[in-house]
Protein backbone atom coordinates (compact mmCIF):
# COMPACT_ATOMS: atom_id res chain seq x y z
CA MET A 1 -13.71 37.16 5.18
CA ALA A 2 -11.34 34.41 4.01
CA VAL A 3 -10.45 31.53 6.30
CA PRO A 4 -6.84 30.25 6.09
CA ALA A 5 -6.80 26.73 4.61
CA LEU A 6 -4.70 25.42 7.49
CA ASP A 7 -7.47 26.34 9.92
CA LEU A 8 -9.82 24.00 8.04
CA ALA A 9 -7.38 21.07 8.08
CA THR A 10 -7.59 18.22 10.58
CA PRO A 11 -4.82 17.89 13.22
CA ALA A 12 -3.29 14.98 11.27
CA VAL A 13 -2.91 17.22 8.21
CA ARG A 14 -1.54 20.09 10.24
CA ARG A 15 1.09 17.93 11.97
CA PRO A 16 1.83 14.88 9.81
CA SER A 17 3.88 12.08 11.31
CA PRO A 18 6.93 10.69 9.48
CA HIS A 19 6.48 7.64 7.25
CA VAL A 20 7.27 4.36 8.97
CA PRO A 21 8.41 1.80 6.37
CA GLY A 22 6.81 -1.63 6.36
CA LYS A 23 8.47 -4.96 6.97
CA PRO A 24 10.35 -6.74 4.17
CA ILE A 25 8.36 -9.31 2.20
CA GLY A 26 10.60 -12.17 3.33
CA GLY A 27 9.87 -11.44 6.97
CA LEU A 28 6.12 -11.25 6.38
CA GLU A 29 6.11 -14.49 4.39
CA ARG A 30 7.97 -16.28 7.20
CA LYS A 31 5.67 -14.82 9.87
CA TYR A 32 2.43 -15.74 8.08
CA GLY A 33 3.60 -18.78 6.13
CA ALA A 34 2.83 -17.12 2.78
CA LYS A 35 4.64 -17.70 -0.51
CA GLY A 36 4.84 -15.68 -3.71
CA SER A 37 3.83 -12.35 -2.17
CA ILE A 38 3.77 -9.24 -4.32
CA LYS A 39 5.03 -5.95 -2.93
CA LEU A 40 3.21 -2.87 -4.17
CA GLY A 41 5.14 0.36 -4.53
CA ASN A 42 3.66 3.74 -3.75
CA GLY A 43 0.94 4.52 -6.24
CA SER A 44 0.65 0.92 -7.41
CA ASP A 45 -2.84 -0.24 -8.24
CA GLY A 46 -3.44 -3.44 -6.29
CA LEU A 47 -6.46 -4.38 -8.38
CA LEU A 48 -4.49 -4.31 -11.63
CA VAL A 49 -1.72 -6.40 -10.08
CA MET A 50 -4.30 -8.90 -8.81
CA ILE A 51 -6.01 -9.14 -12.21
CA ALA A 52 -2.67 -9.74 -13.92
CA GLY A 53 -1.85 -12.46 -11.36
CA VAL A 54 -5.20 -14.20 -11.80
CA ARG A 55 -4.81 -14.05 -15.59
CA GLU A 56 -1.36 -15.63 -15.32
CA ILE A 57 -2.67 -18.40 -13.07
CA LEU A 58 -5.60 -19.14 -15.38
CA GLN A 59 -3.38 -19.25 -18.48
CA GLY A 60 -1.19 -21.82 -16.73
CA CYS A 61 -4.13 -24.22 -16.19
């Protein structure tokens, strides 16, 4: 007997909540005193962005 896939899903999967967008970078930088923040888009690989940033910093030394 087959079990419907929805019956196997967790409540969060059955009833997803709408996406709540994050704060703008400028507001976060002011709040935490940060500078030069990088905003990642959906599907962005943070590790690759970090490696590229470290490489750029090291090349500038």
